[in-house]
Amino acid sequence: MVNRQQTIDDRSTADSTHLSAQDLAALRANLHEQRLFRREQLEQLTAAAINRADALLDRQSAARIEVRVKLAASARMVLADVEAALGRMDRGDFGACRLCLRPIARERLTIVPQARYCARCQQVRGTGR
């Protein structure tokens, strides 16, 4: 026998994971924005690195170069995640956790649209990606 509270809880869980066509369109737009931002960021970091190539390698310029290298690596990683999320959208498997295959909560996807894992599996993995 199912009690009323369980039915309400089941419905609220379903509502928090279901992605409407509007949700998907907004998430796709967000991902396209992120992709554009990361590409521009990489262009700027690359241009700055080329302009600094002539600079004397003193401690300060070496530190700047190291920071730019790390920023570029991070931007490439996020860009790859964004591209993968857009690919999942195109294939129709966007919003499903890559580990447990359950739906990822809409609230999580709103904050991190490129998320590959539900919050529970992300926590189990213990990584920032």
N, C-alpha and C. Protein backbone atom coordinates (compact mmCIF):
# COMPACT_ATOMS: atom_id res chain seq x y z
N MET A 1 0.84 -1.17 0.00
CA MET A 1 0.00 0.00 0.00
C MET A 1 0.89 1.25 0.00
N VAL A 2 0.61 2.21 -0.88
CA VAL A 2 1.37 3.44 -1.01
C VAL A 2 0.67 4.54 -0.24
N ASN A 3 1.41 5.20 0.63
CA ASN A 3 0.77 6.28 1.37
C ASN A 3 0.85 7.57 0.57
N ARG A 4 0.06 8.55 0.99
CA ARG A 4 -0.04 9.82 0.26
C ARG A 4 1.31 10.55 0.24
N GLN A 5 2.05 10.56 1.34
CA GLN A 5 3.33 11.26 1.41
C GLN A 5 4.33 10.67 0.42
N GLN A 6 4.35 9.34 0.29
CA GLN A 6 5.26 8.70 -0.65
C GLN A 6 4.93 9.12 -2.07
N THR A 7 3.65 9.20 -2.40
CA THR A 7 3.23 9.62 -3.74
C THR A 7 3.68 11.05 -4.01
N ILE A 8 3.53 11.94 -3.02
CA ILE A 8 3.96 13.32 -3.18
C ILE A 8 5.48 13.37 -3.34
N ASP A 9 6.22 12.61 -2.53
CA ASP A 9 7.68 12.58 -2.63
C ASP A 9 8.11 12.07 -4.00
N ASP A 10 7.46 11.01 -4.50
CA ASP A 10 7.79 10.47 -5.81
C ASP A 10 7.56 11.52 -6.89
N ARG A 11 6.46 12.25 -6.79
CA ARG A 11 6.13 13.26 -7.78
C ARG A 11 7.14 14.40 -7.74
N SER A 12 7.53 14.86 -6.55
CA SER A 12 8.49 15.96 -6.46
C SER A 12 9.86 15.52 -6.97
N THR A 13 10.24 14.27 -6.74
CA THR A 13 11.49 13.75 -7.27
C THR A 13 11.44 13.72 -8.79
N ALA A 14 10.33 13.25 -9.34
CA ALA A 14 10.18 13.21 -10.80
C ALA A 14 10.22 14.62 -11.38
N ASP A 15 9.57 15.57 -10.71
CA ASP A 15 9.57 16.95 -11.19
C ASP A 15 10.98 17.55 -11.17
N SER A 16 11.78 17.17 -10.18
CA SER A 16 13.12 17.75 -10.07
C SER A 16 14.09 17.13 -11.07
N THR A 17 13.75 16.01 -11.68
CA THR A 17 14.67 15.38 -12.64
C THR A 17 14.19 15.52 -14.08
N HIS A 18 12.90 15.72 -14.30
CA HIS A 18 12.37 15.81 -15.66
C HIS A 18 12.85 17.09 -16.34
N LEU A 19 13.35 16.96 -17.55
CA LEU A 19 13.79 18.12 -18.32
C LEU A 19 12.80 18.36 -19.45
N SER A 20 12.19 19.53 -19.42
CA SER A 20 11.25 19.89 -20.48
C SER A 20 12.04 20.36 -21.71
N ALA A 21 11.34 20.55 -22.80
CA ALA A 21 11.99 21.07 -24.01
C ALA A 21 12.55 22.47 -23.74
N GLN A 22 11.85 23.24 -22.92
CA GLN A 22 12.33 24.57 -22.54
C GLN A 22 13.62 24.48 -21.72
N ASP A 23 13.63 23.53 -20.77
CA ASP A 23 14.84 23.32 -19.96
C ASP A 23 16.02 22.98 -20.86
N LEU A 24 15.81 22.05 -21.78
CA LEU A 24 16.89 21.63 -22.68
C LEU A 24 17.38 22.79 -23.54
N ALA A 25 16.45 23.60 -24.04
CA ALA A 25 16.84 24.74 -24.87
C ALA A 25 17.67 25.73 -24.06
N ALA A 26 17.27 26.00 -22.83
CA ALA A 26 18.02 26.93 -21.98
C ALA A 26 19.40 26.36 -21.64
N LEU A 27 19.46 25.07 -21.36
CA LEU A 27 20.74 24.44 -21.04
C LEU A 27 21.65 24.44 -22.26
N ARG A 28 21.08 24.18 -23.43
CA ARG A 28 21.88 24.20 -24.67
C ARG A 28 22.45 25.60 -24.91
N ALA A 29 21.61 26.62 -24.71
CA ALA A 29 22.08 28.01 -24.89
C ALA A 29 23.21 28.32 -23.90
N ASN A 30 23.07 27.87 -22.67
CA ASN A 30 24.10 28.07 -21.65
C ASN A 30 25.40 27.39 -22.07
N LEU A 31 25.30 26.17 -22.57
CA LEU A 31 26.50 25.44 -23.00
C LEU A 31 27.17 26.13 -24.19
N HIS A 32 26.36 26.64 -25.12
CA HIS A 32 26.95 27.36 -26.26
C HIS A 32 27.67 28.63 -25.79
N GLU A 33 27.08 29.32 -24.81
CA GLU A 33 27.73 30.50 -24.23
C GLU A 33 29.06 30.13 -23.58
N GLN A 34 29.04 29.05 -22.81
CA GLN A 34 30.26 28.60 -22.15
C GLN A 34 31.33 28.22 -23.17
N ARG A 35 30.90 27.56 -24.24
CA ARG A 35 31.86 27.15 -25.27
C ARG A 35 32.51 28.39 -25.90
N LEU A 36 31.70 29.38 -26.23
CA LEU A 36 32.23 30.61 -26.82
C LEU A 36 33.19 31.30 -25.85
N PHE A 37 32.80 31.41 -24.58
CA PHE A 37 33.65 32.04 -23.57
C PHE A 37 34.99 31.31 -23.46
N ARG A 38 34.97 29.99 -23.38
CA ARG A 38 36.22 29.23 -23.22
C ARG A 38 37.11 29.34 -24.45
N ARG A 39 36.50 29.35 -25.64
CA ARG A 39 37.31 29.51 -26.85
C ARG A 39 37.99 30.87 -26.88
N GLU A 40 37.22 31.91 -26.52
CA GLU A 40 37.80 33.25 -26.47
C GLU A 40 38.90 33.33 -25.41
N GLN A 41 38.66 32.71 -24.27
CA GLN A 41 39.65 32.69 -23.19
C GLN A 41 40.95 32.03 -23.67
N LEU A 42 40.81 30.90 -24.37
CA LEU A 42 42.00 30.22 -24.88
C LEU A 42 42.74 31.07 -25.91
N GLU A 43 42.00 31.78 -26.77
CA GLU A 43 42.64 32.66 -27.74
C GLU A 43 43.44 33.75 -27.04
N GLN A 44 42.84 34.36 -26.01
CA GLN A 44 43.52 35.43 -25.28
C GLN A 44 44.76 34.90 -24.56
N LEU A 45 44.64 33.75 -23.95
CA LEU A 45 45.79 33.18 -23.24
C LEU A 45 46.90 32.83 -24.21
N THR A 46 46.55 32.32 -25.37
CA THR A 46 47.54 31.96 -26.38
C THR A 46 48.21 33.22 -26.93
N ALA A 47 47.41 34.25 -27.21
CA ALA A 47 47.97 35.51 -27.71
C ALA A 47 48.91 36.13 -26.68
N ALA A 48 48.52 36.08 -25.41
CA ALA A 48 49.37 36.63 -24.36
C ALA A 48 50.68 35.86 -24.27
N ALA A 49 50.62 34.55 -24.45
CA ALA A 49 51.82 33.72 -24.39
C ALA A 49 52.75 34.05 -25.55
N ILE A 50 52.18 34.28 -26.73
CA ILE A 50 53.00 34.62 -27.90
C ILE A 50 53.65 35.99 -27.70
N ASN A 51 52.88 36.95 -27.19
CA ASN A 51 53.42 38.29 -26.95
C ASN A 51 54.52 38.27 -25.89
N ARG A 52 54.44 37.37 -24.96
CA ARG A 52 55.42 37.29 -23.87
C ARG A 52 56.64 36.44 -24.25
N ALA A 53 56.60 35.81 -25.41
CA ALA A 53 57.70 34.91 -25.79
C ALA A 53 59.03 35.64 -25.86
N ASP A 54 58.99 36.93 -26.21
CA ASP A 54 60.23 37.70 -26.32
C ASP A 54 60.74 38.18 -24.97
N ALA A 55 59.86 38.17 -23.96
CA ALA A 55 60.22 38.73 -22.64
C ALA A 55 61.35 37.93 -22.02
N LEU A 56 62.13 38.66 -21.24
CA LEU A 56 63.19 37.98 -20.50
C LEU A 56 62.56 37.07 -19.48
N LEU A 57 63.12 35.90 -19.31
CA LEU A 57 62.56 34.94 -18.37
C LEU A 57 63.06 35.20 -16.96
N ASP A 58 62.58 36.29 -16.40
CA ASP A 58 62.89 36.50 -15.00
C ASP A 58 61.82 35.78 -14.17
N ARG A 59 61.94 35.85 -12.87
CA ARG A 59 61.01 35.11 -12.00
C ARG A 59 59.56 35.54 -12.21
N GLN A 60 59.34 36.84 -12.35
CA GLN A 60 57.97 37.33 -12.48
C GLN A 60 57.32 36.86 -13.78
N SER A 61 58.02 36.96 -14.89
CA SER A 61 57.43 36.53 -16.15
C SER A 61 57.27 35.01 -16.19
N ALA A 62 58.17 34.28 -15.56
CA ALA A 62 58.03 32.82 -15.49
C ALA A 62 56.79 32.44 -14.70
N ALA A 63 56.51 33.17 -13.62
CA ALA A 63 55.31 32.90 -12.83
C ALA A 63 54.05 33.21 -13.63
N ARG A 64 54.07 34.30 -14.39
CA ARG A 64 52.91 34.65 -15.23
C ARG A 64 52.66 33.58 -16.29
N ILE A 65 53.73 33.11 -16.87
CA ILE A 65 53.60 32.07 -17.89
C ILE A 65 53.01 30.80 -17.27
N GLU A 66 53.48 30.44 -16.09
CA GLU A 66 52.97 29.25 -15.41
C GLU A 66 51.47 29.39 -15.12
N VAL A 67 51.05 30.57 -14.67
CA VAL A 67 49.63 30.81 -14.39
C VAL A 67 48.82 30.68 -15.69
N ARG A 68 49.33 31.26 -16.77
CA ARG A 68 48.61 31.19 -18.05
C ARG A 68 48.50 29.75 -18.55
N VAL A 69 49.55 28.99 -18.37
CA VAL A 69 49.54 27.58 -18.79
C VAL A 69 48.46 26.82 -18.02
N LYS A 70 48.40 27.06 -16.70
CA LYS A 70 47.39 26.38 -15.88
C LYS A 70 45.99 26.84 -16.22
N LEU A 71 45.80 28.13 -16.47
CA LEU A 71 44.48 28.64 -16.87
C LEU A 71 44.06 28.04 -18.21
N ALA A 72 44.99 27.94 -19.13
CA ALA A 72 44.68 27.37 -20.44
C ALA A 72 44.31 25.89 -20.31
N ALA A 73 45.01 25.16 -19.47
CA ALA A 73 44.69 23.74 -19.27
C ALA A 73 43.30 23.59 -18.67
N SER A 74 42.98 24.44 -17.72
CA SER A 74 41.65 24.41 -17.10
C SER A 74 40.57 24.76 -18.12
N ALA A 75 40.82 25.78 -18.92
CA ALA A 75 39.85 26.18 -19.95
C ALA A 75 39.64 25.07 -20.96
N ARG A 76 40.72 24.39 -21.36
CA ARG A 76 40.58 23.26 -22.31
C ARG A 76 39.77 22.13 -21.70
N MET A 77 39.96 21.88 -20.40
CA MET A 77 39.23 20.81 -19.72
C MET A 77 37.72 21.14 -19.66
N VAL A 78 37.40 22.38 -19.29
CA VAL A 78 35.99 22.78 -19.24
C VAL A 78 35.40 22.76 -20.65
N LEU A 79 36.15 23.24 -21.63
CA LEU A 79 35.67 23.22 -23.01
C LEU A 79 35.37 21.80 -23.47
N ALA A 80 36.22 20.86 -23.12
CA ALA A 80 35.98 19.46 -23.47
C ALA A 80 34.71 18.94 -22.80
N ASP A 81 34.49 19.31 -21.54
CA ASP A 81 33.27 18.90 -20.84
C ASP A 81 32.03 19.49 -21.49
N VAL A 82 32.12 20.76 -21.90
CA VAL A 82 30.99 21.43 -22.56
C VAL A 82 30.71 20.76 -23.90
N GLU A 83 31.75 20.49 -24.67
CA GLU A 83 31.58 19.82 -25.97
C GLU A 83 30.94 18.44 -25.78
N ALA A 84 31.38 17.71 -24.75
CA ALA A 84 30.82 16.39 -24.47
C ALA A 84 29.34 16.49 -24.11
N ALA A 85 28.98 17.51 -23.32
CA ALA A 85 27.57 17.70 -22.94
C ALA A 85 26.72 18.01 -24.18
N LEU A 86 27.24 18.85 -25.07
CA LEU A 86 26.50 19.14 -26.30
C LEU A 86 26.36 17.87 -27.15
N GLY A 87 27.37 17.04 -27.16
CA GLY A 87 27.29 15.76 -27.87
C GLY A 87 26.23 14.85 -27.27
N ARG A 88 26.15 14.83 -25.93
CA ARG A 88 25.11 14.02 -25.27
C ARG A 88 23.72 14.55 -25.61
N MET A 89 23.60 15.86 -25.72
CA MET A 89 22.31 16.45 -26.11
C MET A 89 21.94 15.99 -27.53
N ASP A 90 22.90 16.04 -28.42
CA ASP A 90 22.65 15.64 -29.81
C ASP A 90 22.28 14.16 -29.91
N ARG A 91 22.88 13.33 -29.07
CA ARG A 91 22.59 11.89 -29.08
C ARG A 91 21.31 11.54 -28.32
N GLY A 92 20.85 12.47 -27.48
CA GLY A 92 19.63 12.22 -26.73
C GLY A 92 19.85 11.56 -25.38
N ASP A 93 21.09 11.49 -24.91
CA ASP A 93 21.32 10.89 -23.60
C ASP A 93 21.82 11.92 -22.58
N PHE A 94 21.53 13.18 -22.83
CA PHE A 94 21.88 14.26 -21.91
C PHE A 94 21.02 14.16 -20.65
N GLY A 95 21.64 14.40 -19.50
CA GLY A 95 20.89 14.43 -18.25
C GLY A 95 20.84 13.10 -17.53
N ALA A 96 21.49 12.08 -18.08
CA ALA A 96 21.56 10.77 -17.42
C ALA A 96 22.96 10.62 -16.83
N CYS A 97 23.01 10.19 -15.59
CA CYS A 97 24.29 9.98 -14.90
C CYS A 97 25.09 8.91 -15.64
N ARG A 98 26.37 9.17 -15.87
CA ARG A 98 27.23 8.23 -16.59
C ARG A 98 27.57 7.00 -15.76
N LEU A 99 27.33 7.04 -14.44
CA LEU A 99 27.62 5.88 -13.60
C LEU A 99 26.36 5.06 -13.30
N CYS A 100 25.39 5.70 -12.65
CA CYS A 100 24.20 4.95 -12.21
C CYS A 100 23.06 4.98 -13.23
N LEU A 101 23.19 5.82 -14.26
CA LEU A 101 22.23 5.97 -15.35
C LEU A 101 20.89 6.59 -14.92
N ARG A 102 20.81 7.03 -13.67
CA ARG A 102 19.60 7.74 -13.22
C ARG A 102 19.65 9.17 -13.74
N PRO A 103 18.49 9.82 -13.79
CA PRO A 103 18.49 11.22 -14.23
C PRO A 103 19.25 12.11 -13.25
N ILE A 104 19.95 13.09 -13.81
CA ILE A 104 20.62 14.11 -13.00
C ILE A 104 19.58 15.18 -12.68
N ALA A 105 19.54 15.63 -11.45
CA ALA A 105 18.55 16.62 -11.04
C ALA A 105 18.64 17.89 -11.89
N ARG A 106 17.49 18.40 -12.24
CA ARG A 106 17.41 19.62 -13.05
C ARG A 106 18.18 20.76 -12.37
N GLU A 107 18.06 20.86 -11.05
CA GLU A 107 18.75 21.92 -10.32
C GLU A 107 20.27 21.81 -10.50
N ARG A 108 20.79 20.60 -10.49
CA ARG A 108 22.23 20.40 -10.69
C ARG A 108 22.62 20.80 -12.10
N LEU A 109 21.83 20.40 -13.09
CA LEU A 109 22.14 20.74 -14.48
C LEU A 109 22.02 22.23 -14.73
N THR A 110 21.14 22.90 -14.00
CA THR A 110 21.02 24.35 -14.14
C THR A 110 22.30 25.03 -13.68
N ILE A 111 22.90 24.50 -12.64
CA ILE A 111 24.14 25.08 -12.10
C ILE A 111 25.35 24.62 -12.90
N VAL A 112 25.40 23.33 -13.23
CA VAL A 112 26.53 22.74 -13.97
C VAL A 112 25.96 21.96 -15.15
N PRO A 113 25.62 22.65 -16.24
CA PRO A 113 24.96 21.96 -17.36
C PRO A 113 25.81 20.87 -18.01
N GLN A 114 27.13 20.93 -17.83
CA GLN A 114 27.99 19.90 -18.41
C GLN A 114 28.21 18.73 -17.47
N ALA A 115 27.46 18.68 -16.36
CA ALA A 115 27.63 17.60 -15.37
C ALA A 115 27.43 16.23 -16.03
N ARG A 116 28.33 15.32 -15.73
CA ARG A 116 28.25 13.95 -16.25
C ARG A 116 27.62 13.00 -15.23
N TYR A 117 27.64 13.42 -13.97
CA TYR A 117 27.21 12.53 -12.88
C TYR A 117 26.16 13.21 -12.01
N CYS A 118 25.28 12.41 -11.44
CA CYS A 118 24.34 12.93 -10.45
C CYS A 118 25.15 13.34 -9.22
N ALA A 119 24.54 14.08 -8.32
CA ALA A 119 25.26 14.57 -7.14
C ALA A 119 25.82 13.42 -6.30
N ARG A 120 25.04 12.37 -6.16
CA ARG A 120 25.48 11.22 -5.36
C ARG A 120 26.72 10.56 -5.96
N CYS A 121 26.67 10.26 -7.24
CA CYS A 121 27.82 9.63 -7.89
C CYS A 121 29.02 10.57 -7.96
N GLN A 122 28.79 11.87 -8.13
CA GLN A 122 29.89 12.82 -8.12
C GLN A 122 30.59 12.82 -6.78
N GLN A 123 29.79 12.75 -5.72
CA GLN A 123 30.36 12.71 -4.37
C GLN A 123 31.17 11.42 -4.17
N VAL A 124 30.64 10.29 -4.65
CA VAL A 124 31.34 9.03 -4.54
C VAL A 124 32.66 9.06 -5.29
N ARG A 125 32.65 9.68 -6.46
CA ARG A 125 33.88 9.79 -7.26
C ARG A 125 34.90 10.69 -6.57
N GLY A 126 34.39 11.69 -5.82
CA GLY A 126 35.26 12.54 -5.05
C GLY A 126 36.15 13.46 -5.85
N THR A 127 35.69 13.84 -7.05
CA THR A 127 36.49 14.74 -7.87
C THR A 127 35.72 16.02 -8.13
N GLY A 128 36.43 17.00 -8.64
CA GLY A 128 35.82 18.28 -8.96
C GLY A 128 35.24 18.35 -10.35
N ARG A 129 35.39 17.31 -11.14
CA ARG A 129 34.89 17.35 -12.52
C ARG A 129 33.59 16.68 -12.66
